[in-house]
Amino acid sequence: MQLKQGQMGRRLGEGVEWLLNATGLQGKVSVSEYVELWKRTLRESANDFHLMEGAERLVSHLHAANIPMAICTGSDSKWVR
């Protein structure tokens, strides 16, 4: 959990640099190498993403009640589609 919190609010490169420092991996892998591996892994696993439990029910309920909704994320928009 500390690793996740330490990266929150940082741009991708800054977050990776922080992660490499925090885990002792700096010097063993570059920021660009890590980012490429991360992107490749994300692309390969994208078809395995599933809705969080209760998400569909919540959205349906809000929609039926005419409650305005928005989705926010710190992720790149191409991964959210």
PDB file of N, CA and C in Angstrom:
ATOM      1  N   MET A   1       0.817  -1.193   0.000  1.00  0.00           N
ATOM      2  CA  MET A   1       0.000   0.000   0.000  1.00  0.00           C
ATOM      3  C   MET A   1       0.862   1.260   0.000  1.00  0.00           C
ATOM      4  N   GLN A   2       1.993   1.233   0.680  1.00  0.00           N
ATOM      5  CA  GLN A   2       2.868   2.395   0.719  1.00  0.00           C
ATOM      6  C   GLN A   2       3.415   2.715  -0.658  1.00  0.00           C
ATOM      7  N   LEU A   3       3.692   1.689  -1.461  1.00  0.00           N
ATOM      8  CA  LEU A   3       4.200   1.926  -2.809  1.00  0.00           C
ATOM      9  C   LEU A   3       3.145   2.628  -3.655  1.00  0.00           C
ATOM     10  N   LYS A   4       1.906   2.218  -3.545  1.00  0.00           N
ATOM     11  CA  LYS A   4       0.821   2.846  -4.288  1.00  0.00           C
ATOM     12  C   LYS A   4       0.664   4.301  -3.861  1.00  0.00           C
ATOM     13  N   GLN A   5       0.645   4.545  -2.570  1.00  0.00           N
ATOM     14  CA  GLN A   5       0.470   5.903  -2.067  1.00  0.00           C
ATOM     15  C   GLN A   5       1.614   6.814  -2.481  1.00  0.00           C
ATOM     16  N   GLY A   6       2.813   6.278  -2.533  1.00  0.00           N
ATOM     17  CA  GLY A   6       3.974   7.078  -2.912  1.00  0.00           C
ATOM     18  C   GLY A   6       3.960   7.504  -4.364  1.00  0.00           C
ATOM     19  N   GLN A   7       3.222   6.798  -5.194  1.00  0.00           N
ATOM     20  CA  GLN A   7       3.161   7.122  -6.618  1.00  0.00           C
ATOM     21  C   GLN A   7       1.977   8.015  -6.962  1.00  0.00           C
ATOM     22  N   MET A   8       0.990   8.046  -6.100  1.00  0.00           N
ATOM     23  CA  MET A   8      -0.231   8.798  -6.400  1.00  0.00           C
ATOM     24  C   MET A   8       0.062  10.282  -6.594  1.00  0.00           C
ATOM     25  N   GLY A   9      -0.549  10.854  -7.628  1.00  0.00           N
ATOM     26  CA  GLY A   9      -0.389  12.272  -7.919  1.00  0.00           C
ATOM     27  C   GLY A   9       0.855  12.593  -8.723  1.00  0.00           C
ATOM     28  N   ARG A  10       1.649  11.607  -9.044  1.00  0.00           N
ATOM     29  CA  ARG A  10       2.873  11.840  -9.820  1.00  0.00           C
ATOM     30  C   ARG A  10       2.626  11.475 -11.283  1.00  0.00           C
ATOM     31  N   ARG A  11       3.322  12.128 -12.166  1.00  0.00           N
ATOM     32  CA  ARG A  11       3.291  11.744 -13.570  1.00  0.00           C
ATOM     33  C   ARG A  11       3.961  10.382 -13.695  1.00  0.00           C
ATOM     34  N   LEU A  12       3.695   9.687 -14.795  1.00  0.00           N
ATOM     35  CA  LEU A  12       4.178   8.308 -14.948  1.00  0.00           C
ATOM     36  C   LEU A  12       5.680   8.188 -14.699  1.00  0.00           C
ATOM     37  N   GLY A  13       6.483   8.970 -15.382  1.00  0.00           N
ATOM     38  CA  GLY A  13       7.935   8.878 -15.221  1.00  0.00           C
ATOM     39  C   GLY A  13       8.396   9.178 -13.804  1.00  0.00           C
ATOM     40  N   GLU A  14       7.781  10.178 -13.190  1.00  0.00           N
ATOM     41  CA  GLU A  14       8.130  10.527 -11.811  1.00  0.00           C
ATOM     42  C   GLU A  14       7.747   9.409 -10.851  1.00  0.00           C
ATOM     43  N   GLY A  15       6.577   8.810 -11.094  1.00  0.00           N
ATOM     44  CA  GLY A  15       6.129   7.710 -10.246  1.00  0.00           C
ATOM     45  C   GLY A  15       7.018   6.495 -10.365  1.00  0.00           C
ATOM     46  N   VAL A  16       7.447   6.196 -11.587  1.00  0.00           N
ATOM     47  CA  VAL A  16       8.338   5.048 -11.799  1.00  0.00           C
ATOM     48  C   VAL A  16       9.690   5.312 -11.151  1.00  0.00           C
ATOM     49  N   GLU A  17      10.198   6.523 -11.309  1.00  0.00           N
ATOM     50  CA  GLU A  17      11.485   6.852 -10.677  1.00  0.00           C
ATOM     51  C   GLU A  17      11.382   6.701  -9.158  1.00  0.00           C
ATOM     52  N   TRP A  18      10.287   7.177  -8.579  1.00  0.00           N
ATOM     53  CA  TRP A  18      10.069   7.031  -7.137  1.00  0.00           C
ATOM     54  C   TRP A  18      10.017   5.553  -6.756  1.00  0.00           C
ATOM     55  N   LEU A  19       9.277   4.759  -7.540  1.00  0.00           N
ATOM     56  CA  LEU A  19       9.140   3.328  -7.276  1.00  0.00           C
ATOM     57  C   LEU A  19      10.496   2.617  -7.328  1.00  0.00           C
ATOM     58  N   LEU A  20      11.285   2.926  -8.343  1.00  0.00           N
ATOM     59  CA  LEU A  20      12.600   2.289  -8.469  1.00  0.00           C
ATOM     60  C   LEU A  20      13.493   2.641  -7.279  1.00  0.00           C
ATOM     61  N   ASN A  21      13.428   3.880  -6.835  1.00  0.00           N
ATOM     62  CA  ASN A  21      14.194   4.283  -5.645  1.00  0.00           C
ATOM     63  C   ASN A  21      13.691   3.569  -4.399  1.00  0.00           C
ATOM     64  N   ALA A  22      12.378   3.512  -4.239  1.00  0.00           N
ATOM     65  CA  ALA A  22      11.774   2.925  -3.034  1.00  0.00           C
ATOM     66  C   ALA A  22      12.020   1.425  -2.933  1.00  0.00           C
ATOM     67  N   THR A  23      12.178   0.767  -4.065  1.00  0.00           N
ATOM     68  CA  THR A  23      12.353  -0.689  -4.063  1.00  0.00           C
ATOM     69  C   THR A  23      13.810  -1.120  -4.236  1.00  0.00           C
ATOM     70  N   GLY A  24      14.695  -0.143  -4.389  1.00  0.00           N
ATOM     71  CA  GLY A  24      16.102  -0.479  -4.573  1.00  0.00           C
ATOM     72  C   GLY A  24      16.440  -0.961  -5.974  1.00  0.00           C
ATOM     73  N   LEU A  25      15.555  -0.723  -6.928  1.00  0.00           N
ATOM     74  CA  LEU A  25      15.786  -1.183  -8.301  1.00  0.00           C
ATOM     75  C   LEU A  25      16.458  -0.143  -9.186  1.00  0.00           C
ATOM     76  N   GLN A  26      16.629   1.073  -8.669  1.00  0.00           N
ATOM     77  CA  GLN A  26      17.276   2.106  -9.477  1.00  0.00           C
ATOM     78  C   GLN A  26      18.699   1.661  -9.811  1.00  0.00           C
ATOM     79  N   GLY A  27      19.062   1.819 -11.058  1.00  0.00           N
ATOM     80  CA  GLY A  27      20.374   1.365 -11.524  1.00  0.00           C
ATOM     81  C   GLY A  27      20.325  -0.041 -12.091  1.00  0.00           C
ATOM     82  N   LYS A  28      19.310  -0.811 -11.740  1.00  0.00           N
ATOM     83  CA  LYS A  28      19.149  -2.162 -12.264  1.00  0.00           C
ATOM     84  C   LYS A  28      18.217  -2.169 -13.469  1.00  0.00           C
ATOM     85  N   VAL A  29      17.312  -1.186 -13.521  1.00  0.00           N
ATOM     86  CA  VAL A  29      16.396  -1.019 -14.646  1.00  0.00           C
ATOM     87  C   VAL A  29      16.148   0.480 -14.792  1.00  0.00           C
ATOM     88  N   SER A  30      16.089   0.953 -16.031  1.00  0.00           N
ATOM     89  CA  SER A  30      15.859   2.378 -16.257  1.00  0.00           C
ATOM     90  C   SER A  30      14.360   2.672 -16.217  1.00  0.00           C
ATOM     91  N   VAL A  31      14.043   3.944 -16.062  1.00  0.00           N
ATOM     92  CA  VAL A  31      12.642   4.359 -16.053  1.00  0.00           C
ATOM     93  C   VAL A  31      11.992   3.960 -17.377  1.00  0.00           C
ATOM     94  N   SER A  32      12.658   4.206 -18.491  1.00  0.00           N
ATOM     95  CA  SER A  32      12.073   3.887 -19.803  1.00  0.00           C
ATOM     96  C   SER A  32      11.885   2.380 -19.988  1.00  0.00           C
ATOM     97  N   GLU A  33      12.833   1.567 -19.504  1.00  0.00           N
ATOM     98  CA  GLU A  33      12.675   0.111 -19.592  1.00  0.00           C
ATOM     99  C   GLU A  33      11.477  -0.360 -18.766  1.00  0.00           C
ATOM    100  N   TYR A  34      11.338   0.194 -17.573  1.00  0.00           N
ATOM    101  CA  TYR A  34      10.226  -0.184 -16.701  1.00  0.00           C
ATOM    102  C   TYR A  34       8.893   0.211 -17.330  1.00  0.00           C
ATOM    103  N   VAL A  35       8.831   1.433 -17.877  1.00  0.00           N
ATOM    104  CA  VAL A  35       7.593   1.912 -18.495  1.00  0.00           C
ATOM    105  C   VAL A  35       7.208   1.021 -19.675  1.00  0.00           C
ATOM    106  N   GLU A  36       8.177   0.655 -20.506  1.00  0.00           N
ATOM    107  CA  GLU A  36       7.881  -0.220 -21.655  1.00  0.00           C
ATOM    108  C   GLU A  36       7.348  -1.578 -21.190  1.00  0.00           C
ATOM    109  N   LEU A  37       7.975  -2.150 -20.187  1.00  0.00           N
ATOM    110  CA  LEU A  37       7.509  -3.431 -19.644  1.00  0.00           C
ATOM    111  C   LEU A  37       6.104  -3.295 -19.065  1.00  0.00           C
ATOM    112  N   TRP A  38       5.867  -2.209 -18.335  1.00  0.00           N
ATOM    113  CA  TRP A  38       4.548  -1.960 -17.747  1.00  0.00           C
ATOM    114  C   TRP A  38       3.484  -1.830 -18.839  1.00  0.00           C
ATOM    115  N   LYS A  39       3.784  -1.059 -19.892  1.00  0.00           N
ATOM    116  CA  LYS A  39       2.819  -0.876 -20.987  1.00  0.00           C
ATOM    117  C   LYS A  39       2.534  -2.197 -21.692  1.00  0.00           C
ATOM    118  N   ARG A  40       3.573  -2.984 -21.932  1.00  0.00           N
ATOM    119  CA  ARG A  40       3.392  -4.280 -22.593  1.00  0.00           C
ATOM    120  C   ARG A  40       2.520  -5.199 -21.733  1.00  0.00           C
ATOM    121  N   THR A  41       2.799  -5.243 -20.446  1.00  0.00           N
ATOM    122  CA  THR A  41       2.019  -6.073 -19.527  1.00  0.00           C
ATOM    123  C   THR A  41       0.571  -5.614 -19.488  1.00  0.00           C
ATOM    124  N   LEU A  42       0.348  -4.313 -19.465  1.00  0.00           N
ATOM    125  CA  LEU A  42      -1.007  -3.779 -19.447  1.00  0.00           C
ATOM    126  C   LEU A  42      -1.759  -4.144 -20.720  1.00  0.00           C
ATOM    127  N   ARG A  43      -1.107  -3.998 -21.876  1.00  0.00           N
ATOM    128  CA  ARG A  43      -1.745  -4.370 -23.152  1.00  0.00           C
ATOM    129  C   ARG A  43      -2.114  -5.845 -23.166  1.00  0.00           C
ATOM    130  N   GLU A  44      -1.223  -6.689 -22.693  1.00  0.00           N
ATOM    131  CA  GLU A  44      -1.456  -8.138 -22.712  1.00  0.00           C
ATOM    132  C   GLU A  44      -2.577  -8.563 -21.766  1.00  0.00           C
ATOM    133  N   SER A  45      -2.776  -7.825 -20.686  1.00  0.00           N
ATOM    134  CA  SER A  45      -3.785  -8.226 -19.706  1.00  0.00           C
ATOM    135  C   SER A  45      -5.080  -7.426 -19.825  1.00  0.00           C
ATOM    136  N   ALA A  46      -5.158  -6.483 -20.759  1.00  0.00           N
ATOM    137  CA  ALA A  46      -6.323  -5.603 -20.869  1.00  0.00           C
ATOM    138  C   ALA A  46      -7.625  -6.367 -21.074  1.00  0.00           C
ATOM    139  N   ASN A  47      -7.607  -7.488 -21.760  1.00  0.00           N
ATOM    140  CA  ASN A  47      -8.828  -8.256 -21.994  1.00  0.00           C
ATOM    141  C   ASN A  47      -9.310  -8.978 -20.740  1.00  0.00           C
ATOM    142  N   ASP A  48      -8.491  -9.021 -19.719  1.00  0.00           N
ATOM    143  CA  ASP A  48      -8.856  -9.704 -18.471  1.00  0.00           C
ATOM    144  C   ASP A  48      -9.428  -8.752 -17.422  1.00  0.00           C
ATOM    145  N   PHE A  49      -9.585  -7.468 -17.764  1.00  0.00           N
ATOM    146  CA  PHE A  49     -10.125  -6.510 -16.800  1.00  0.00           C
ATOM    147  C   PHE A  49     -11.605  -6.779 -16.589  1.00  0.00           C
ATOM    148  N   HIS A  50     -12.060  -6.619 -15.363  1.00  0.00           N
ATOM    149  CA  HIS A  50     -13.460  -6.854 -15.024  1.00  0.00           C
ATOM    150  C   HIS A  50     -13.964  -5.692 -14.172  1.00  0.00           C
ATOM    151  N   LEU A  51     -15.279  -5.498 -14.189  1.00  0.00           N
ATOM    152  CA  LEU A  51     -15.877  -4.479 -13.331  1.00  0.00           C
ATOM    153  C   LEU A  51     -15.676  -4.847 -11.866  1.00  0.00           C
ATOM    154  N   MET A  52     -15.526  -3.826 -11.047  1.00  0.00           N
ATOM    155  CA  MET A  52     -15.463  -4.069  -9.612  1.00  0.00           C
ATOM    156  C   MET A  52     -16.826  -4.560  -9.144  1.00  0.00           C
ATOM    157  N   GLU A  53     -16.825  -5.381  -8.119  1.00  0.00           N
ATOM    158  CA  GLU A  53     -18.077  -5.906  -7.580  1.00  0.00           C
ATOM    159  C   GLU A  53     -18.996  -4.752  -7.174  1.00  0.00           C
ATOM    160  N   GLY A  54     -20.214  -4.784  -7.652  1.00  0.00           N
ATOM    161  CA  GLY A  54     -21.203  -3.770  -7.320  1.00  0.00           C
ATOM    162  C   GLY A  54     -21.195  -2.551  -8.226  1.00  0.00           C
ATOM    163  N   ALA A  55     -20.199  -2.419  -9.110  1.00  0.00           N
ATOM    164  CA  ALA A  55     -20.089  -1.224  -9.955  1.00  0.00           C
ATOM    165  C   ALA A  55     -21.273  -1.095 -10.904  1.00  0.00           C
ATOM    166  N   GLU A  56     -21.616  -2.162 -11.580  1.00  0.00           N
ATOM    167  CA  GLU A  56     -22.719  -2.105 -12.540  1.00  0.00           C
ATOM    168  C   GLU A  56     -24.043  -1.794 -11.832  1.00  0.00           C
ATOM    169  N   ARG A  57     -24.258  -2.403 -10.697  1.00  0.00           N
ATOM    170  CA  ARG A  57     -25.483  -2.160  -9.926  1.00  0.00           C
ATOM    171  C   ARG A  57     -25.561  -0.697  -9.486  1.00  0.00           C
ATOM    172  N   LEU A  58     -24.436  -0.148  -9.024  1.00  0.00           N
ATOM    173  CA  LEU A  58     -24.403   1.243  -8.583  1.00  0.00           C
ATOM    174  C   LEU A  58     -24.699   2.186  -9.746  1.00  0.00           C
ATOM    175  N   VAL A  59     -24.054   1.985 -10.871  1.00  0.00           N
ATOM    176  CA  VAL A  59     -24.267   2.853 -12.037  1.00  0.00           C
ATOM    177  C   VAL A  59     -25.713   2.762 -12.513  1.00  0.00           C
ATOM    178  N   SER A  60     -26.261   1.562 -12.555  1.00  0.00           N
ATOM    179  CA  SER A  60     -27.662   1.389 -12.963  1.00  0.00           C
ATOM    180  C   SER A  60     -28.609   2.130 -12.015  1.00  0.00           C
ATOM    181  N   HIS A  61     -28.334   2.036 -10.726  1.00  0.00           N
ATOM    182  CA  HIS A  61     -29.162   2.718  -9.726  1.00  0.00           C
ATOM    183  C   HIS A  61     -29.081   4.236  -9.900  1.00  0.00           C
ATOM    184  N   LEU A  62     -27.890   4.762 -10.056  1.00  0.00           N
ATOM    185  CA  LEU A  62     -27.722   6.209 -10.233  1.00  0.00           C
ATOM    186  C   LEU A  62     -28.396   6.688 -11.514  1.00  0.00           C
ATOM    187  N   HIS A  63     -28.252   5.904 -12.575  1.00  0.00           N
ATOM    188  CA  HIS A  63     -28.879   6.244 -13.859  1.00  0.00           C
ATOM    189  C   HIS A  63     -30.403   6.259 -13.729  1.00  0.00           C
ATOM    190  N   ALA A  64     -30.963   5.243 -13.101  1.00  0.00           N
ATOM    191  CA  ALA A  64     -32.414   5.150 -12.928  1.00  0.00           C
ATOM    192  C   ALA A  64     -32.957   6.310 -12.086  1.00  0.00           C
ATOM    193  N   ALA A  65     -32.146   6.828 -11.186  1.00  0.00           N
ATOM    194  CA  ALA A  65     -32.555   7.935 -10.327  1.00  0.00           C
ATOM    195  C   ALA A  65     -32.195   9.299 -10.924  1.00  0.00           C
ATOM    196  N   ASN A  66     -31.740   9.301 -12.170  1.00  0.00           N
ATOM    197  CA  ASN A  66     -31.336  10.541 -12.862  1.00  0.00           C
ATOM    198  C   ASN A  66     -30.288  11.335 -12.094  1.00  0.00           C
ATOM    199  N   ILE A  67     -29.385  10.632 -11.441  1.00  0.00           N
ATOM    200  CA  ILE A  67     -28.299  11.287 -10.708  1.00  0.00           C
ATOM    201  C   ILE A  67     -27.123  11.438 -11.666  1.00  0.00           C
ATOM    202  N   PRO A  68     -26.644  12.675 -11.844  1.00  0.00           N
ATOM    203  CA  PRO A  68     -25.503  12.888 -12.754  1.00  0.00           C
ATOM    204  C   PRO A  68     -24.285  12.090 -12.297  1.00  0.00           C
ATOM    205  N   MET A  69     -23.530  11.594 -13.264  1.00  0.00           N
ATOM    206  CA  MET A  69     -22.345  10.785 -12.958  1.00  0.00           C
ATOM    207  C   MET A  69     -21.161  11.266 -13.789  1.00  0.00           C
ATOM    208  N   ALA A  70     -19.978  10.973 -13.294  1.00  0.00           N
ATOM    209  CA  ALA A  70     -18.744  11.234 -14.022  1.00  0.00           C
ATOM    210  C   ALA A  70     -17.728  10.180 -13.596  1.00  0.00           C
ATOM    211  N   ILE A  71     -16.789   9.924 -14.466  1.00  0.00           N
ATOM    212  CA  ILE A  71     -15.715   8.982 -14.152  1.00  0.00           C
ATOM    213  C   ILE A  71     -14.411   9.765 -14.123  1.00  0.00           C
ATOM    214  N   CYS A  72     -13.653   9.583 -13.068  1.00  0.00           N
ATOM    215  CA  CYS A  72     -12.359  10.248 -12.932  1.00  0.00           C
ATOM    216  C   CYS A  72     -11.279   9.197 -12.777  1.00  0.00           C
ATOM    217  N   THR A  73     -10.140   9.457 -13.368  1.00  0.00           N
ATOM    218  CA  THR A  73      -9.008   8.546 -13.239  1.00  0.00           C
ATOM    219  C   THR A  73      -7.712   9.301 -13.479  1.00  0.00           C
ATOM    220  N   GLY A  74      -6.671   8.790 -12.920  1.00  0.00           N
ATOM    221  CA  GLY A  74      -5.351   9.334 -13.189  1.00  0.00           C
ATOM    222  C   GLY A  74      -4.676   8.576 -14.315  1.00  0.00           C
ATOM    223  N   SER A  75      -5.368   7.581 -14.849  1.00  0.00           N
ATOM    224  CA  SER A  75      -4.799   6.760 -15.909  1.00  0.00           C
ATOM    225  C   SER A  75      -4.899   7.458 -17.248  1.00  0.00           C
ATOM    226  N   ASP A  76      -4.053   7.062 -18.176  1.00  0.00           N
ATOM    227  CA  ASP A  76      -4.093   7.560 -19.539  1.00  0.00           C
ATOM    228  C   ASP A  76      -5.416   7.162 -20.171  1.00  0.00           C
ATOM    229  N   SER A  77      -6.051   8.064 -20.891  1.00  0.00           N
ATOM    230  CA  SER A  77      -7.384   7.818 -21.443  1.00  0.00           C
ATOM    231  C   SER A  77      -7.422   6.611 -22.384  1.00  0.00           C
ATOM    232  N   LYS A  78      -6.322   6.294 -23.052  1.00  0.00           N
ATOM    233  CA  LYS A  78      -6.354   5.146 -23.972  1.00  0.00           C
ATOM    234  C   LYS A  78      -6.521   3.824 -23.225  1.00  0.00           C
ATOM    235  N   TRP A  79      -6.166   3.778 -21.937  1.00  0.00           N
ATOM    236  CA  TRP A  79      -6.341   2.553 -21.161  1.00  0.00           C
ATOM    237  C   TRP A  79      -7.733   2.460 -20.571  1.00  0.00           C
ATOM    238  N   VAL A  80      -8.451   3.574 -20.523  1.00  0.00           N
ATOM    239  CA  VAL A  80      -9.763   3.598 -19.889  1.00  0.00           C
ATOM    240  C   VAL A  80     -10.861   3.166 -20.862  1.00  0.00           C
ATOM    241  N   ARG A  81     -10.681   3.413 -22.135  1.00  0.00           N
ATOM    242  CA  ARG A  81     -11.718   3.083 -23.133  1.00  0.00           C
ATOM    243  C   ARG A  81     -12.168   1.670 -22.973  1.00  0.00           C
TER     244      ARG A  81
END
